[in-house]
Amino acid sequence: MNLQHPSSSEINESAMTEGRALLHQHAIVTGGGSGIGAAIAKRLYKSGAYVTLIGRNWQKLNDVLNEMTAKTSGRSQESSVRVHALTADVSDEKAIESAVKTAVNNFGDVTILINNAGTVSPSKLHLMSLDTFQQTINVNLTGTFLCTRSVLPQMIKSKAGRIVNIASTAALKGYAYVSAYSAAKHGVLGLTRALALEVAELGISVNAICPGYTDTEIVRDAIDRIQNKTGRSKSEALNELTKTNPQGRLITPDEIAETVIWLCSPAARSVTGQAITIAGGEVM
């Protein structure tokens, strides 16, 4: 399928009014099998985009794919074929190049890239293995580089594109026991700002979203670890994570997804090189 995608400036007003502001755009979402990535993929799909999910766990990807397509069951064939899932490790250069090639063959040139895939392995630095440190850098930072590099030539050629890197408040401040993760996310933010300047005159925006603790599987695992190590209740463990948020709560994946939609819309065409914090006032 070789689709002709309009640039963001060409998206018509009626499509936006109907909630389909990204009609016929092609978005790749890494780490799309759960949490933030799944929420973003669903929201992009709802806005009319063709969506390619990329992740390492096929079952999780397939569950999200089925959930998305089930809502369009019985509608037009066009609706039911707007999403596809591919398994790939974002830190594997050849795997990502192959996945992007397949995605382009399916839905045409990539006009939106959401670099969401990430991993964290909490540890005191002096107890952290080199393998753990390197793996954290490879997935969070090198993966963002590889995916971006794979789609950027298409965007440069068409002089249109949106790249959104899901970073973290750990890109803006330090947190104990996640030094590798914080280093990687600081790197993602540096990459975001540098690339934004490189492509500023080409109709391409590059931004980072920096969420605080978000209601995802990773945070639920963190709560379990706190409970197991300290004997605290679930509510007490949760409080350890939410106490830095002035609103006293976890961020929801849907809040991040809505910000992504705005960044990908024509209304945000002058927003680039930014670190947009979604953390209830934790970082100002």
C-alpha atoms as a PDB file:
ATOM      1  CA  MET A   1       0.000   0.000   0.000  1.00  0.00           C
ATOM      2  CA  ASN A   2       1.546   3.304  -1.068  1.00  0.00           C
ATOM      3  CA  LEU A   3      -0.458   6.125   0.444  1.00  0.00           C
ATOM      4  CA  GLN A   4      -0.072   9.797  -0.242  1.00  0.00           C
ATOM      5  CA  HIS A   5       0.116  11.571   3.110  1.00  0.00           C
ATOM      6  CA  PRO A   6      -0.700  15.249   3.461  1.00  0.00           C
ATOM      7  CA  SER A   7       1.681  17.453   5.389  1.00  0.00           C
ATOM      8  CA  SER A   8       0.415  18.686   8.752  1.00  0.00           C
ATOM      9  CA  SER A   9      -0.425  22.063   7.239  1.00  0.00           C
ATOM     10  CA  GLU A  10      -2.654  20.395   4.664  1.00  0.00           C
ATOM     11  CA  ILE A  11      -4.913  18.587   7.123  1.00  0.00           C
ATOM     12  CA  ASN A  12      -8.360  20.007   6.524  1.00  0.00           C
ATOM     13  CA  GLU A  13     -10.394  21.812   9.127  1.00  0.00           C
ATOM     14  CA  SER A  14     -13.365  19.466   8.920  1.00  0.00           C
ATOM     15  CA  ALA A  15     -11.181  16.486   9.826  1.00  0.00           C
ATOM     16  CA  MET A  16      -9.971  18.305  12.919  1.00  0.00           C
ATOM     17  CA  THR A  17     -13.528  19.194  13.898  1.00  0.00           C
ATOM     18  CA  GLU A  18     -14.482  15.535  13.722  1.00  0.00           C
ATOM     19  CA  GLY A  19     -11.584  14.559  15.973  1.00  0.00           C
ATOM     20  CA  ARG A  20      -9.559  13.092  13.114  1.00  0.00           C
ATOM     21  CA  ALA A  21      -6.876  15.752  12.921  1.00  0.00           C
ATOM     22  CA  LEU A  22      -4.198  13.268  11.829  1.00  0.00           C
ATOM     23  CA  LEU A  23      -6.171  11.687   9.003  1.00  0.00           C
ATOM     24  CA  HIS A  24      -3.915   9.517   6.794  1.00  0.00           C
ATOM     25  CA  GLN A  25      -0.741  10.340   8.692  1.00  0.00           C
ATOM     26  CA  HIS A  26       1.483   7.307   9.344  1.00  0.00           C
ATOM     27  CA  ALA A  27       2.730   7.017  12.916  1.00  0.00           C
ATOM     28  CA  ILE A  28       5.236   4.558  14.337  1.00  0.00           C
ATOM     29  CA  VAL A  29       4.995   3.972  18.082  1.00  0.00           C
ATOM     30  CA  THR A  30       7.770   2.016  19.778  1.00  0.00           C
ATOM     31  CA  GLY A  31       7.053   0.197  22.998  1.00  0.00           C
ATOM     32  CA  GLY A  32       3.467   0.070  21.794  1.00  0.00           C
ATOM     33  CA  GLY A  33       2.430  -3.085  23.627  1.00  0.00           C
ATOM     34  CA  SER A  34       1.524  -1.556  26.968  1.00  0.00           C
ATOM     35  CA  GLY A  35       1.255   1.525  29.158  1.00  0.00           C
ATOM     36  CA  ILE A  36       2.126   4.864  27.637  1.00  0.00           C
ATOM     37  CA  GLY A  37       2.870   3.431  24.180  1.00  0.00           C
ATOM     38  CA  ALA A  38      -0.479   1.636  23.962  1.00  0.00           C
ATOM     39  CA  ALA A  39      -2.360   4.757  25.071  1.00  0.00           C
ATOM     40  CA  ILE A  40      -0.569   6.877  22.478  1.00  0.00           C
ATOM     41  CA  ALA A  41      -1.202   4.341  19.713  1.00  0.00           C
ATOM     42  CA  LYS A  42      -4.926   4.199  20.499  1.00  0.00           C
ATOM     43  CA  ARG A  43      -5.186   7.987  20.546  1.00  0.00           C
ATOM     44  CA  LEU A  44      -3.326   8.367  17.243  1.00  0.00           C
ATOM     45  CA  TYR A  45      -5.600   5.742  15.701  1.00  0.00           C
ATOM     46  CA  LYS A  46      -8.675   7.565  16.971  1.00  0.00           C
ATOM     47  CA  SER A  47      -7.358  10.728  15.311  1.00  0.00           C
ATOM     48  CA  GLY A  48      -7.309   9.012  11.927  1.00  0.00           C
ATOM     49  CA  ALA A  49      -3.658   8.020  11.660  1.00  0.00           C
ATOM     50  CA  TYR A  50      -2.286   4.795  10.284  1.00  0.00           C
ATOM     51  CA  VAL A  51      -0.382   3.249  13.185  1.00  0.00           C
ATOM     52  CA  THR A  52       2.534   0.829  13.252  1.00  0.00           C
ATOM     53  CA  LEU A  53       3.210  -0.669  16.675  1.00  0.00           C
ATOM     54  CA  ILE A  54       6.745  -1.860  17.383  1.00  0.00           C
ATOM     55  CA  GLY A  55       7.771  -3.849  20.445  1.00  0.00           C
ATOM     56  CA  ARG A  56       9.528  -6.982  21.615  1.00  0.00           C
ATOM     57  CA  ASN A  57       6.545  -8.883  23.015  1.00  0.00           C
ATOM     58  CA  TRP A  58       4.246 -10.106  20.269  1.00  0.00           C
ATOM     59  CA  GLN A  59       1.441 -11.153  22.607  1.00  0.00           C
ATOM     60  CA  LYS A  60       1.229  -7.685  24.170  1.00  0.00           C
ATOM     61  CA  LEU A  61       1.344  -6.021  20.757  1.00  0.00           C
ATOM     62  CA  ASN A  62      -1.349  -8.332  19.453  1.00  0.00           C
ATOM     63  CA  ASP A  63      -3.589  -7.606  22.439  1.00  0.00           C
ATOM     64  CA  VAL A  64      -3.358  -3.864  21.769  1.00  0.00           C
ATOM     65  CA  LEU A  65      -3.891  -4.393  18.038  1.00  0.00           C
ATOM     66  CA  ASN A  66      -6.992  -6.490  18.673  1.00  0.00           C
ATOM     67  CA  GLU A  67      -8.376  -3.919  21.083  1.00  0.00           C
ATOM     68  CA  MET A  68      -7.891  -1.148  18.535  1.00  0.00           C
ATOM     69  CA  THR A  69      -9.395  -3.018  15.590  1.00  0.00           C
ATOM     70  CA  ALA A  70     -12.306  -4.435  17.605  1.00  0.00           C
ATOM     71  CA  LYS A  71     -13.729  -0.941  17.897  1.00  0.00           C
ATOM     72  CA  THR A  72     -13.840  -0.655  14.113  1.00  0.00           C
ATOM     73  CA  SER A  73     -15.297  -4.119  13.484  1.00  0.00           C
ATOM     74  CA  GLY A  74     -18.101  -3.943  10.970  1.00  0.00           C
ATOM     75  CA  ARG A  75     -16.973  -0.611   9.588  1.00  0.00           C
ATOM     76  CA  SER A  76     -15.192   0.005   6.306  1.00  0.00           C
ATOM     77  CA  GLN A  77     -12.191  -2.066   5.273  1.00  0.00           C
ATOM     78  CA  GLU A  78     -10.104   1.115   5.452  1.00  0.00           C
ATOM     79  CA  SER A  79     -10.807   1.381   9.181  1.00  0.00           C
ATOM     80  CA  SER A  80      -9.829  -2.205   9.911  1.00  0.00           C
ATOM     81  CA  VAL A  81      -6.415  -2.069   8.210  1.00  0.00           C
ATOM     82  CA  ARG A  82      -5.044   1.136   9.701  1.00  0.00           C
ATOM     83  CA  VAL A  83      -2.939  -0.570  12.355  1.00  0.00           C
ATOM     84  CA  HIS A  84      -0.157  -3.131  12.141  1.00  0.00           C
ATOM     85  CA  ALA A  85       2.209  -4.623  14.705  1.00  0.00           C
ATOM     86  CA  LEU A  86       5.852  -5.596  14.244  1.00  0.00           C
ATOM     87  CA  THR A  87       8.249  -7.242  16.679  1.00  0.00           C
ATOM     88  CA  ALA A  88      11.684  -5.662  16.918  1.00  0.00           C
ATOM     89  CA  ASP A  89      14.233  -4.613  19.522  1.00  0.00           C
ATOM     90  CA  VAL A  90      14.789  -0.866  19.174  1.00  0.00           C
ATOM     91  CA  SER A  91      18.461  -1.310  20.084  1.00  0.00           C
ATOM     92  CA  ASP A  92      19.019  -3.685  17.134  1.00  0.00           C
ATOM     93  CA  GLU A  93      20.040  -1.622  14.111  1.00  0.00           C
ATOM     94  CA  LYS A  94      19.163  -4.167  11.439  1.00  0.00           C
ATOM     95  CA  ALA A  95      15.886  -5.135  13.096  1.00  0.00           C
ATOM     96  CA  ILE A  96      14.728  -1.526  13.221  1.00  0.00           C
ATOM     97  CA  GLU A  97      15.751  -0.813   9.644  1.00  0.00           C
ATOM     98  CA  SER A  98      13.785  -3.893   8.550  1.00  0.00           C
ATOM     99  CA  ALA A  99      10.746  -2.967  10.645  1.00  0.00           C
ATOM    100  CA  VAL A 100      10.654   0.582   9.283  1.00  0.00           C
ATOM    101  CA  LYS A 101      10.944  -0.744   5.731  1.00  0.00           C
ATOM    102  CA  THR A 102       7.991  -3.071   6.334  1.00  0.00           C
ATOM    103  CA  ALA A 103       5.990  -0.262   7.921  1.00  0.00           C
ATOM    104  CA  VAL A 104       6.588   1.992   4.910  1.00  0.00           C
ATOM    105  CA  ASN A 105       5.556  -0.792   2.548  1.00  0.00           C
ATOM    106  CA  ASN A 106       2.326  -1.175   4.522  1.00  0.00           C
ATOM    107  CA  PHE A 107       1.270   2.418   5.061  1.00  0.00           C
ATOM    108  CA  GLY A 108       3.619   4.735   3.163  1.00  0.00           C
ATOM    109  CA  ASP A 109       6.231   7.141   4.470  1.00  0.00           C
ATOM    110  CA  VAL A 110       6.392   7.701   8.205  1.00  0.00           C
ATOM    111  CA  THR A 111       5.208  11.198   9.139  1.00  0.00           C
ATOM    112  CA  ILE A 112       5.045  10.737  12.926  1.00  0.00           C
ATOM    113  CA  LEU A 113       7.540   8.903  15.137  1.00  0.00           C
ATOM    114  CA  ILE A 114       6.898   8.281  18.823  1.00  0.00           C
ATOM    115  CA  ASN A 115      10.047   7.006  20.539  1.00  0.00           C
ATOM    116  CA  ASN A 116       8.508   5.452  23.625  1.00  0.00           C
ATOM    117  CA  ALA A 117      10.337   2.153  24.182  1.00  0.00           C
ATOM    118  CA  GLY A 118      12.219   2.142  27.456  1.00  0.00           C
ATOM    119  CA  THR A 119      13.511   0.075  30.310  1.00  0.00           C
ATOM    120  CA  VAL A 120      14.686   0.686  33.857  1.00  0.00           C
ATOM    121  CA  SER A 121      16.538  -1.588  36.290  1.00  0.00           C
ATOM    122  CA  PRO A 122      16.849   0.130  39.686  1.00  0.00           C
ATOM    123  CA  SER A 123      20.169  -0.375  41.437  1.00  0.00           C
ATOM    124  CA  LYS A 124      22.741   1.443  43.480  1.00  0.00           C
ATOM    125  CA  LEU A 125      25.426   2.537  41.061  1.00  0.00           C
ATOM    126  CA  HIS A 126      28.274   0.705  42.798  1.00  0.00           C
ATOM    127  CA  LEU A 127      26.280  -2.530  42.581  1.00  0.00           C
ATOM    128  CA  MET A 128      25.204  -2.091  38.966  1.00  0.00           C
ATOM    129  CA  SER A 129      26.724  -4.396  36.348  1.00  0.00           C
ATOM    130  CA  LEU A 130      28.111  -3.020  33.124  1.00  0.00           C
ATOM    131  CA  ASP A 131      25.589  -5.147  31.225  1.00  0.00           C
ATOM    132  CA  THR A 132      22.687  -3.507  33.084  1.00  0.00           C
ATOM    133  CA  PHE A 133      24.077  -0.033  32.493  1.00  0.00           C
ATOM    134  CA  GLN A 134      24.713  -0.702  28.806  1.00  0.00           C
ATOM    135  CA  GLN A 135      21.312  -2.299  28.227  1.00  0.00           C
ATOM    136  CA  THR A 136      19.588   0.714  29.784  1.00  0.00           C
ATOM    137  CA  ILE A 137      21.514   3.073  27.508  1.00  0.00           C
ATOM    138  CA  ASN A 138      20.942   0.843  24.466  1.00  0.00           C
ATOM    139  CA  VAL A 139      17.156   0.716  24.789  1.00  0.00           C
ATOM    140  CA  ASN A 140      16.412   4.229  26.022  1.00  0.00           C
ATOM    141  CA  LEU A 141      18.992   6.294  24.130  1.00  0.00           C
ATOM    142  CA  THR A 142      20.496   4.251  21.303  1.00  0.00           C
ATOM    143  CA  GLY A 143      17.033   2.960  20.411  1.00  0.00           C
ATOM    144  CA  THR A 144      15.757   6.515  20.102  1.00  0.00           C
ATOM    145  CA  PHE A 145      18.705   7.341  17.828  1.00  0.00           C
ATOM    146  CA  LEU A 146      18.244   4.270  15.610  1.00  0.00           C
ATOM    147  CA  CYS A 147      14.498   4.717  15.144  1.00  0.00           C
ATOM    148  CA  THR A 148      14.873   8.427  14.437  1.00  0.00           C
ATOM    149  CA  ARG A 149      17.664   7.896  11.957  1.00  0.00           C
ATOM    150  CA  SER A 150      15.582   5.292  10.116  1.00  0.00           C
ATOM    151  CA  VAL A 151      12.633   7.617   9.440  1.00  0.00           C
ATOM    152  CA  LEU A 152      14.349  10.986   9.183  1.00  0.00           C
ATOM    153  CA  PRO A 153      15.345  10.786   5.482  1.00  0.00           C
ATOM    154  CA  GLN A 154      11.653  10.382   4.556  1.00  0.00           C
ATOM    155  CA  MET A 155      10.689  13.415   6.619  1.00  0.00           C
ATOM    156  CA  ILE A 156      13.519  15.512   5.224  1.00  0.00           C
ATOM    157  CA  LYS A 157      12.509  14.601   1.671  1.00  0.00           C
ATOM    158  CA  SER A 158       8.860  15.562   2.244  1.00  0.00           C
ATOM    159  CA  LYS A 159       9.763  18.516   4.499  1.00  0.00           C
ATOM    160  CA  ALA A 160       7.194  17.420   7.066  1.00  0.00           C
ATOM    161  CA  GLY A 161       7.257  15.339  10.198  1.00  0.00           C
ATOM    162  CA  ARG A 162       6.728  15.085  13.927  1.00  0.00           C
ATOM    163  CA  ILE A 163       9.115  13.305  16.273  1.00  0.00           C
ATOM    164  CA  VAL A 164       8.094  12.952  19.913  1.00  0.00           C
ATOM    165  CA  ASN A 165      10.511  11.340  22.353  1.00  0.00           C
ATOM    166  CA  ILE A 166       9.005  10.049  25.573  1.00  0.00           C
ATOM    167  CA  ALA A 167      11.673  10.986  28.084  1.00  0.00           C
ATOM    168  CA  SER A 168      11.002  11.400  31.813  1.00  0.00           C
ATOM    169  CA  THR A 169      11.405  13.848  34.655  1.00  0.00           C
ATOM    170  CA  ALA A 170      14.597  11.797  35.065  1.00  0.00           C
ATOM    171  CA  ALA A 171      15.814  13.722  32.003  1.00  0.00           C
ATOM    172  CA  LEU A 172      15.535  16.926  34.027  1.00  0.00           C
ATOM    173  CA  LYS A 173      16.648  15.879  37.525  1.00  0.00           C
ATOM    174  CA  GLY A 174      18.312  13.014  39.322  1.00  0.00           C
ATOM    175  CA  TYR A 175      16.619  10.163  41.149  1.00  0.00           C
ATOM    176  CA  ALA A 176      18.460   7.783  43.446  1.00  0.00           C
ATOM    177  CA  TYR A 177      18.966   4.195  42.262  1.00  0.00           C
ATOM    178  CA  VAL A 178      18.230   4.879  38.578  1.00  0.00           C
ATOM    179  CA  SER A 179      21.474   6.512  37.514  1.00  0.00           C
ATOM    180  CA  ALA A 180      21.685   4.619  34.217  1.00  0.00           C
ATOM    181  CA  TYR A 181      18.083   5.467  33.356  1.00  0.00           C
ATOM    182  CA  SER A 182      18.589   9.119  34.259  1.00  0.00           C
ATOM    183  CA  ALA A 183      21.769   9.263  32.174  1.00  0.00           C
ATOM    184  CA  ALA A 184      19.950   7.740  29.207  1.00  0.00           C
ATOM    185  CA  LYS A 185      16.977  10.099  29.465  1.00  0.00           C
ATOM    186  CA  HIS A 186      19.261  13.127  29.837  1.00  0.00           C
ATOM    187  CA  GLY A 187      20.823  11.904  26.596  1.00  0.00           C
ATOM    188  CA  VAL A 188      17.414  11.636  24.923  1.00  0.00           C
ATOM    189  CA  LEU A 189      16.703  15.249  25.833  1.00  0.00           C
ATOM    190  CA  GLY A 190      20.059  16.384  24.465  1.00  0.00           C
ATOM    191  CA  LEU A 191      19.396  14.501  21.234  1.00  0.00           C
ATOM    192  CA  THR A 192      15.949  16.094  21.022  1.00  0.00           C
ATOM    193  CA  ARG A 193      17.265  19.633  21.346  1.00  0.00           C
ATOM    194  CA  ALA A 194      20.157  19.160  18.938  1.00  0.00           C
ATOM    195  CA  LEU A 195      18.064  17.491  16.221  1.00  0.00           C
ATOM    196  CA  ALA A 196      15.339  20.115  16.555  1.00  0.00           C
ATOM    197  CA  LEU A 197      17.861  22.732  15.455  1.00  0.00           C
ATOM    198  CA  GLU A 198      19.087  20.591  12.559  1.00  0.00           C
ATOM    199  CA  VAL A 199      15.633  20.223  11.027  1.00  0.00           C
ATOM    200  CA  ALA A 200      13.920  23.435  12.154  1.00  0.00           C
ATOM    201  CA  GLU A 201      13.708  24.833   8.616  1.00  0.00           C
ATOM    202  CA  LEU A 202      12.446  21.578   7.116  1.00  0.00           C
ATOM    203  CA  GLY A 203       8.938  21.459   8.527  1.00  0.00           C
ATOM    204  CA  ILE A 204       9.944  18.854  11.111  1.00  0.00           C
ATOM    205  CA  SER A 205       9.464  19.307  14.850  1.00  0.00           C
ATOM    206  CA  VAL A 206      11.277  17.310  17.517  1.00  0.00           C
ATOM    207  CA  ASN A 207      10.093  17.403  21.114  1.00  0.00           C
ATOM    208  CA  ALA A 208      10.387  15.451  24.335  1.00  0.00           C
ATOM    209  CA  ILE A 209       7.656  14.711  26.834  1.00  0.00           C
ATOM    210  CA  CYS A 210       8.899  14.285  30.398  1.00  0.00           C
ATOM    211  CA  PRO A 211       6.314  12.486  32.535  1.00  0.00           C
ATOM    212  CA  GLY A 212       6.600  11.977  36.242  1.00  0.00           C
ATOM    213  CA  TYR A 213       5.685   8.642  37.801  1.00  0.00           C
ATOM    214  CA  THR A 214       2.953   7.256  35.553  1.00  0.00           C
ATOM    215  CA  ASP A 215       0.383   4.526  36.153  1.00  0.00           C
ATOM    216  CA  THR A 216       2.117   1.827  34.097  1.00  0.00           C
ATOM    217  CA  GLU A 217       3.446  -1.687  34.555  1.00  0.00           C
ATOM    218  CA  ILE A 218       6.905  -0.310  35.371  1.00  0.00           C
ATOM    219  CA  VAL A 219       5.541   1.783  38.235  1.00  0.00           C
ATOM    220  CA  ARG A 220       3.375  -1.058  39.502  1.00  0.00           C
ATOM    221  CA  ASP A 221       6.512  -3.220  39.587  1.00  0.00           C
ATOM    222  CA  ALA A 222       8.263  -0.460  41.548  1.00  0.00           C
ATOM    223  CA  ILE A 223       5.422  -0.448  44.073  1.00  0.00           C
ATOM    224  CA  ASP A 224       5.758  -4.218  44.458  1.00  0.00           C
ATOM    225  CA  ARG A 225       9.508  -3.878  45.057  1.00  0.00           C
ATOM    226  CA  ILE A 226       8.947  -1.243  47.739  1.00  0.00           C
ATOM    227  CA  GLN A 227       6.391  -3.493  49.449  1.00  0.00           C
ATOM    228  CA  ASN A 228       8.685  -6.521  49.323  1.00  0.00           C
ATOM    229  CA  LYS A 229      11.754  -4.690  50.598  1.00  0.00           C
ATOM    230  CA  THR A 230      10.123  -2.553  53.286  1.00  0.00           C
ATOM    231  CA  GLY A 231       7.018  -4.457  54.335  1.00  0.00           C
ATOM    232  CA  ARG A 232       4.902  -1.363  53.699  1.00  0.00           C
ATOM    233  CA  SER A 233       1.321  -1.549  52.482  1.00  0.00           C
ATOM    234  CA  LYS A 234       0.467  -0.886  48.854  1.00  0.00           C
ATOM    235  CA  SER A 235      -0.893   2.574  49.690  1.00  0.00           C
ATOM    236  CA  GLU A 236       2.256   3.399  51.654  1.00  0.00           C
ATOM    237  CA  ALA A 237       4.445   2.202  48.797  1.00  0.00           C
ATOM    238  CA  LEU A 238       2.418   4.250  46.325  1.00  0.00           C
ATOM    239  CA  ASN A 239       2.868   7.305  48.526  1.00  0.00           C
ATOM    240  CA  GLU A 240       6.646   6.956  48.181  1.00  0.00           C
ATOM    241  CA  LEU A 241       6.246   7.580  44.448  1.00  0.00           C
ATOM    242  CA  THR A 242       3.520  10.225  44.542  1.00  0.00           C
ATOM    243  CA  LYS A 243       4.901  12.356  47.368  1.00  0.00           C
ATOM    244  CA  THR A 244       7.140  14.291  44.957  1.00  0.00           C
ATOM    245  CA  ASN A 245       4.106  15.226  42.828  1.00  0.00           C
ATOM    246  CA  PRO A 246       2.392  18.308  44.322  1.00  0.00           C
ATOM    247  CA  GLN A 247      -0.917  16.901  43.055  1.00  0.00           C
ATOM    248  CA  GLY A 248      -0.254  13.745  45.051  1.00  0.00           C
ATOM    249  CA  ARG A 249      -1.063  11.260  42.312  1.00  0.00           C
ATOM    250  CA  LEU A 250       0.292   9.218  39.428  1.00  0.00           C
ATOM    251  CA  ILE A 251       0.149  10.619  35.903  1.00  0.00           C
ATOM    252  CA  THR A 252      -2.159   8.683  33.570  1.00  0.00           C
ATOM    253  CA  PRO A 253      -1.001   7.370  30.170  1.00  0.00           C
ATOM    254  CA  ASP A 254      -3.959   9.143  28.551  1.00  0.00           C
ATOM    255  CA  GLU A 255      -2.652  12.520  29.712  1.00  0.00           C
ATOM    256  CA  ILE A 256       0.600  11.847  27.870  1.00  0.00           C
ATOM    257  CA  ALA A 257      -1.268  10.612  24.798  1.00  0.00           C
ATOM    258  CA  GLU A 258      -3.294  13.815  24.588  1.00  0.00           C
ATOM    259  CA  THR A 259      -0.092  15.870  24.704  1.00  0.00           C
ATOM    260  CA  VAL A 260       1.324  13.774  21.870  1.00  0.00           C
ATOM    261  CA  ILE A 261      -1.746  14.501  19.745  1.00  0.00           C
ATOM    262  CA  TRP A 262      -1.304  18.223  20.325  1.00  0.00           C
ATOM    263  CA  LEU A 263       2.393  18.103  19.419  1.00  0.00           C
ATOM    264  CA  CYS A 264       1.530  16.263  16.201  1.00  0.00           C
ATOM    265  CA  SER A 265      -1.170  18.755  15.224  1.00  0.00           C
ATOM    266  CA  PRO A 266      -0.804  21.903  13.100  1.00  0.00           C
ATOM    267  CA  ALA A 267      -1.457  23.973  16.230  1.00  0.00           C
ATOM    268  CA  ALA A 268       1.985  22.963  17.569  1.00  0.00           C
ATOM    269  CA  ARG A 269       3.982  23.536  14.404  1.00  0.00           C
ATOM    270  CA  SER A 270       6.145  26.182  16.095  1.00  0.00           C
ATOM    271  CA  VAL A 271       6.814  24.033  19.156  1.00  0.00           C
ATOM    272  CA  THR A 272      10.160  22.265  18.761  1.00  0.00           C
ATOM    273  CA  GLY A 273      13.166  21.383  20.878  1.00  0.00           C
ATOM    274  CA  GLN A 274      11.039  21.447  24.020  1.00  0.00           C
ATOM    275  CA  ALA A 275      10.920  19.299  27.148  1.00  0.00           C
ATOM    276  CA  ILE A 276       7.240  19.265  28.056  1.00  0.00           C
ATOM    277  CA  THR A 277       6.857  18.159  31.656  1.00  0.00           C
ATOM    278  CA  ILE A 278       3.753  16.277  32.776  1.00  0.00           C
ATOM    279  CA  ALA A 279       4.354  15.816  36.468  1.00  0.00           C
ATOM    280  CA  GLY A 280       1.805  17.737  38.498  1.00  0.00           C
ATOM    281  CA  GLY A 281       4.262  20.522  39.264  1.00  0.00           C
ATOM    282  CA  GLU A 282       7.153  18.316  40.438  1.00  0.00           C
ATOM    283  CA  VAL A 283       9.524  20.026  37.997  1.00  0.00           C
ATOM    284  CA  MET A 284       9.158  23.672  37.039  1.00  0.00           C
END
